[in-house]
Amino acid sequence: MVDAFQHWVYESHAAASDPDKCDAMWAELWDRFMIGINYTGLEADKRNGWHRKRHIHRTPFYYVEYGLAQLGAVQVWSNALHDQAEAVACYRKALS
């Protein structure tokens, strides 16, 4: 969700310079990605949630790193399914 918001910000400079439009986009993305959460009575908190994500302002696209880390973890897991000892050895070698 944060990644989608940041893409919108960088692709829509004019709209993204308006905090109200940013609030509206954040709420739209929240509804798209956070299905099933009832924000009745807390709509303002939902709309301005992006204000509380410091990485958006300080380290753009930081959240993408979480996805990349997960891909690495899945690769270690996949290797371990075939040969656990070798997977651990390769992981330790990568860390050294």
N, C-alpha and C. Protein backbone atom coordinates (compact mmCIF):
# COMPACT_ATOMS: atom_id res chain seq x y z
N MET A 1 0.82 -1.18 0.00
CA MET A 1 0.00 0.00 0.00
C MET A 1 0.88 1.26 0.00
N VAL A 2 1.88 1.27 0.86
CA VAL A 2 2.78 2.42 0.91
C VAL A 2 3.49 2.58 -0.43
N ASP A 3 3.91 1.47 -1.01
CA ASP A 3 4.57 1.52 -2.31
C ASP A 3 3.64 2.11 -3.38
N ALA A 4 2.39 1.68 -3.38
CA ALA A 4 1.41 2.20 -4.35
C ALA A 4 1.21 3.70 -4.15
N PHE A 5 1.16 4.12 -2.90
CA PHE A 5 0.99 5.55 -2.61
C PHE A 5 2.19 6.34 -3.12
N GLN A 6 3.39 5.84 -2.87
CA GLN A 6 4.58 6.55 -3.31
C GLN A 6 4.66 6.61 -4.83
N HIS A 7 4.29 5.56 -5.50
CA HIS A 7 4.26 5.60 -6.97
C HIS A 7 3.31 6.69 -7.44
N TRP A 8 2.14 6.76 -6.83
CA TRP A 8 1.18 7.80 -7.21
C TRP A 8 1.77 9.19 -6.98
N VAL A 9 2.43 9.39 -5.84
CA VAL A 9 3.02 10.70 -5.53
C VAL A 9 4.02 11.11 -6.60
N TYR A 10 4.90 10.19 -6.99
CA TYR A 10 5.94 10.53 -7.96
C TYR A 10 5.40 10.64 -9.39
N GLU A 11 4.31 9.96 -9.67
CA GLU A 11 3.72 10.04 -11.01
C GLU A 11 2.73 11.19 -11.15
N SER A 12 2.24 11.73 -10.05
CA SER A 12 1.19 12.76 -10.07
C SER A 12 1.62 13.96 -9.25
N HIS A 13 2.67 14.62 -9.68
CA HIS A 13 3.25 15.72 -8.91
C HIS A 13 2.22 16.79 -8.56
N ALA A 14 1.42 17.19 -9.52
CA ALA A 14 0.46 18.28 -9.28
C ALA A 14 -0.56 17.87 -8.22
N ALA A 15 -1.13 16.70 -8.37
CA ALA A 15 -2.13 16.24 -7.39
C ALA A 15 -1.48 15.98 -6.04
N ALA A 16 -0.29 15.42 -6.05
CA ALA A 16 0.38 15.06 -4.80
C ALA A 16 0.85 16.27 -4.01
N SER A 17 0.87 17.43 -4.62
CA SER A 17 1.25 18.64 -3.89
C SER A 17 0.09 19.17 -3.05
N ASP A 18 -1.08 18.58 -3.19
CA ASP A 18 -2.26 18.98 -2.43
C ASP A 18 -2.51 17.93 -1.33
N PRO A 19 -2.31 18.30 -0.06
CA PRO A 19 -2.49 17.33 1.02
C PRO A 19 -3.88 16.68 1.05
N ASP A 20 -4.91 17.41 0.66
CA ASP A 20 -6.25 16.82 0.63
C ASP A 20 -6.35 15.71 -0.40
N LYS A 21 -5.69 15.90 -1.54
CA LYS A 21 -5.69 14.84 -2.57
C LYS A 21 -4.86 13.65 -2.11
N CYS A 22 -3.80 13.92 -1.38
CA CYS A 22 -3.00 12.82 -0.83
C CYS A 22 -3.83 12.04 0.18
N ASP A 23 -4.58 12.75 1.02
CA ASP A 23 -5.46 12.08 1.98
C ASP A 23 -6.46 11.20 1.25
N ALA A 24 -7.05 11.72 0.19
CA ALA A 24 -8.06 10.97 -0.57
C ALA A 24 -7.44 9.73 -1.22
N MET A 25 -6.24 9.87 -1.77
CA MET A 25 -5.58 8.73 -2.40
C MET A 25 -5.22 7.68 -1.36
N TRP A 26 -4.73 8.11 -0.20
CA TRP A 26 -4.39 7.16 0.86
C TRP A 26 -5.63 6.38 1.28
N ALA A 27 -6.75 7.07 1.44
CA ALA A 27 -8.00 6.40 1.83
C ALA A 27 -8.44 5.41 0.75
N GLU A 28 -8.30 5.80 -0.51
CA GLU A 28 -8.66 4.91 -1.62
C GLU A 28 -7.79 3.65 -1.62
N LEU A 29 -6.50 3.84 -1.43
CA LEU A 29 -5.59 2.70 -1.39
C LEU A 29 -5.83 1.84 -0.16
N TRP A 30 -6.16 2.48 0.95
CA TRP A 30 -6.46 1.72 2.17
C TRP A 30 -7.64 0.79 1.92
N ASP A 31 -8.67 1.34 1.31
CA ASP A 31 -9.86 0.52 1.01
C ASP A 31 -9.53 -0.61 0.04
N ARG A 32 -8.59 -0.35 -0.86
CA ARG A 32 -8.21 -1.36 -1.85
C ARG A 32 -7.40 -2.50 -1.23
N PHE A 33 -6.45 -2.14 -0.37
CA PHE A 33 -5.52 -3.13 0.16
C PHE A 33 -5.87 -3.66 1.54
N MET A 34 -6.61 -2.93 2.32
CA MET A 34 -6.92 -3.32 3.71
C MET A 34 -8.39 -3.70 3.82
N ILE A 35 -8.78 -4.65 3.04
CA ILE A 35 -10.18 -5.07 2.94
C ILE A 35 -10.66 -5.63 4.28
N GLY A 36 -11.88 -5.22 4.65
CA GLY A 36 -12.52 -5.78 5.83
C GLY A 36 -12.34 -4.99 7.10
N ILE A 37 -11.59 -3.92 7.07
CA ILE A 37 -11.41 -3.11 8.27
C ILE A 37 -12.46 -2.01 8.27
N ASN A 38 -13.23 -1.93 9.34
CA ASN A 38 -14.31 -0.95 9.46
C ASN A 38 -13.79 0.30 10.15
N TYR A 39 -13.74 1.39 9.43
CA TYR A 39 -13.25 2.66 9.97
C TYR A 39 -14.39 3.64 10.26
N THR A 40 -15.58 3.14 10.49
CA THR A 40 -16.71 4.01 10.80
C THR A 40 -16.37 4.83 12.04
N GLY A 41 -16.50 6.14 11.91
CA GLY A 41 -16.17 7.05 13.00
C GLY A 41 -14.71 7.44 13.06
N LEU A 42 -13.89 6.79 12.28
CA LEU A 42 -12.45 7.06 12.27
C LEU A 42 -11.96 7.40 10.86
N GLU A 43 -12.85 7.93 10.06
CA GLU A 43 -12.52 8.20 8.66
C GLU A 43 -11.33 9.15 8.52
N ALA A 44 -11.25 10.16 9.40
CA ALA A 44 -10.13 11.10 9.33
C ALA A 44 -8.80 10.39 9.60
N ASP A 45 -8.81 9.45 10.54
CA ASP A 45 -7.59 8.70 10.84
C ASP A 45 -7.17 7.84 9.66
N LYS A 46 -8.16 7.29 8.96
CA LYS A 46 -7.85 6.48 7.78
C LYS A 46 -7.26 7.36 6.69
N ARG A 47 -7.85 8.52 6.47
CA ARG A 47 -7.42 9.39 5.38
C ARG A 47 -6.00 9.92 5.59
N ASN A 48 -5.65 10.25 6.82
CA ASN A 48 -4.34 10.88 7.02
C ASN A 48 -3.30 9.91 7.57
N GLY A 49 -3.52 8.62 7.38
CA GLY A 49 -2.56 7.62 7.84
C GLY A 49 -1.18 7.79 7.24
N TRP A 50 -1.12 8.32 6.05
CA TRP A 50 0.19 8.51 5.41
C TRP A 50 1.04 9.51 6.16
N HIS A 51 0.42 10.39 6.96
CA HIS A 51 1.19 11.36 7.74
C HIS A 51 2.08 10.66 8.77
N ARG A 52 1.67 9.50 9.21
CA ARG A 52 2.39 8.78 10.26
C ARG A 52 3.42 7.79 9.71
N LYS A 53 3.60 7.74 8.42
CA LYS A 53 4.59 6.85 7.80
C LYS A 53 5.83 7.67 7.47
N ARG A 54 6.73 7.75 8.42
CA ARG A 54 7.92 8.60 8.24
C ARG A 54 8.78 8.18 7.06
N HIS A 55 8.79 6.90 6.75
CA HIS A 55 9.61 6.43 5.63
C HIS A 55 9.20 7.08 4.32
N ILE A 56 7.94 7.43 4.17
CA ILE A 56 7.49 8.06 2.93
C ILE A 56 8.26 9.34 2.68
N HIS A 57 8.53 10.07 3.75
CA HIS A 57 9.19 11.37 3.63
C HIS A 57 10.71 11.28 3.73
N ARG A 58 11.19 10.38 4.57
CA ARG A 58 12.63 10.33 4.86
C ARG A 58 13.40 9.34 3.99
N THR A 59 12.78 8.22 3.67
CA THR A 59 13.46 7.18 2.90
C THR A 59 12.49 6.61 1.87
N PRO A 60 12.29 7.33 0.77
CA PRO A 60 11.32 6.87 -0.24
C PRO A 60 11.61 5.44 -0.70
N PHE A 61 10.53 4.71 -0.88
CA PHE A 61 10.55 3.33 -1.37
C PHE A 61 11.27 2.36 -0.43
N TYR A 62 11.41 2.74 0.84
CA TYR A 62 12.01 1.87 1.84
C TYR A 62 11.22 0.58 1.99
N TYR A 63 9.91 0.67 1.91
CA TYR A 63 9.07 -0.51 2.13
C TYR A 63 9.30 -1.59 1.08
N VAL A 64 9.82 -1.24 -0.07
CA VAL A 64 10.12 -2.23 -1.10
C VAL A 64 11.18 -3.21 -0.59
N GLU A 65 12.05 -2.73 0.28
CA GLU A 65 13.10 -3.59 0.82
C GLU A 65 12.52 -4.76 1.60
N TYR A 66 11.37 -4.57 2.23
CA TYR A 66 10.74 -5.68 2.95
C TYR A 66 10.38 -6.80 1.97
N GLY A 67 9.85 -6.43 0.84
CA GLY A 67 9.50 -7.43 -0.17
C GLY A 67 10.72 -8.16 -0.69
N LEU A 68 11.79 -7.42 -0.92
CA LEU A 68 13.03 -8.05 -1.39
C LEU A 68 13.58 -9.02 -0.34
N ALA A 69 13.51 -8.63 0.93
CA ALA A 69 13.98 -9.51 2.00
C ALA A 69 13.15 -10.79 2.05
N GLN A 70 11.85 -10.66 1.85
CA GLN A 70 10.99 -11.84 1.85
C GLN A 70 11.34 -12.79 0.71
N LEU A 71 11.69 -12.23 -0.44
CA LEU A 71 12.10 -13.09 -1.56
C LEU A 71 13.34 -13.90 -1.20
N GLY A 72 14.28 -13.26 -0.51
CA GLY A 72 15.47 -13.97 -0.07
C GLY A 72 15.14 -15.08 0.91
N ALA A 73 14.22 -14.81 1.83
CA ALA A 73 13.81 -15.82 2.81
C ALA A 73 13.12 -16.99 2.12
N VAL A 74 12.31 -16.71 1.12
CA VAL A 74 11.63 -17.78 0.39
C VAL A 74 12.66 -18.63 -0.36
N GLN A 75 13.70 -18.01 -0.88
CA GLN A 75 14.74 -18.77 -1.58
C GLN A 75 15.47 -19.71 -0.62
N VAL A 76 15.79 -19.21 0.59
CA VAL A 76 16.44 -20.07 1.58
C VAL A 76 15.52 -21.24 1.93
N TRP A 77 14.26 -20.96 2.14
CA TRP A 77 13.28 -22.01 2.46
C TRP A 77 13.19 -23.03 1.33
N SER A 78 13.12 -22.54 0.10
CA SER A 78 13.04 -23.44 -1.06
C SER A 78 14.27 -24.34 -1.13
N ASN A 79 15.44 -23.75 -0.92
CA ASN A 79 16.68 -24.54 -0.92
C ASN A 79 16.66 -25.58 0.20
N ALA A 80 16.12 -25.20 1.36
CA ALA A 80 16.09 -26.11 2.50
C ALA A 80 15.17 -27.30 2.26
N LEU A 81 14.16 -27.12 1.44
CA LEU A 81 13.28 -28.24 1.11
C LEU A 81 14.02 -29.35 0.39
N HIS A 82 15.06 -28.96 -0.36
CA HIS A 82 15.84 -29.93 -1.13
C HIS A 82 17.04 -30.47 -0.34
N ASP A 83 17.70 -29.57 0.39
CA ASP A 83 18.89 -29.98 1.15
C ASP A 83 19.10 -28.96 2.26
N GLN A 84 18.62 -29.29 3.45
CA GLN A 84 18.64 -28.33 4.55
C GLN A 84 20.06 -27.93 4.94
N ALA A 85 20.95 -28.88 5.05
CA ALA A 85 22.33 -28.57 5.45
C ALA A 85 22.99 -27.64 4.44
N GLU A 86 22.78 -27.91 3.17
CA GLU A 86 23.36 -27.06 2.12
C GLU A 86 22.74 -25.67 2.14
N ALA A 87 21.44 -25.59 2.39
CA ALA A 87 20.76 -24.30 2.46
C ALA A 87 21.32 -23.46 3.59
N VAL A 88 21.54 -24.07 4.75
CA VAL A 88 22.11 -23.35 5.89
C VAL A 88 23.54 -22.93 5.58
N ALA A 89 24.31 -23.80 4.96
CA ALA A 89 25.69 -23.47 4.60
C ALA A 89 25.74 -22.29 3.63
N CYS A 90 24.87 -22.31 2.64
CA CYS A 90 24.82 -21.20 1.66
C CYS A 90 24.38 -19.90 2.33
N TYR A 91 23.43 -20.00 3.23
CA TYR A 91 22.95 -18.81 3.95
C TYR A 91 24.09 -18.21 4.79
N ARG A 92 24.79 -19.06 5.52
CA ARG A 92 25.90 -18.58 6.35
C ARG A 92 27.01 -17.98 5.49
N LYS A 93 27.26 -18.58 4.36
CA LYS A 93 28.28 -18.03 3.45
C LYS A 93 27.86 -16.65 2.95
N ALA A 94 26.58 -16.51 2.63
CA ALA A 94 26.08 -15.21 2.16
C ALA A 94 26.20 -14.14 3.23
N LEU A 95 26.05 -14.53 4.49
CA LEU A 95 26.16 -13.57 5.59
C LEU A 95 27.59 -13.18 5.90
N SER A 96 28.55 -14.00 5.50
CA SER A 96 29.95 -13.72 5.85
C SER A 96 30.60 -12.71 4.93
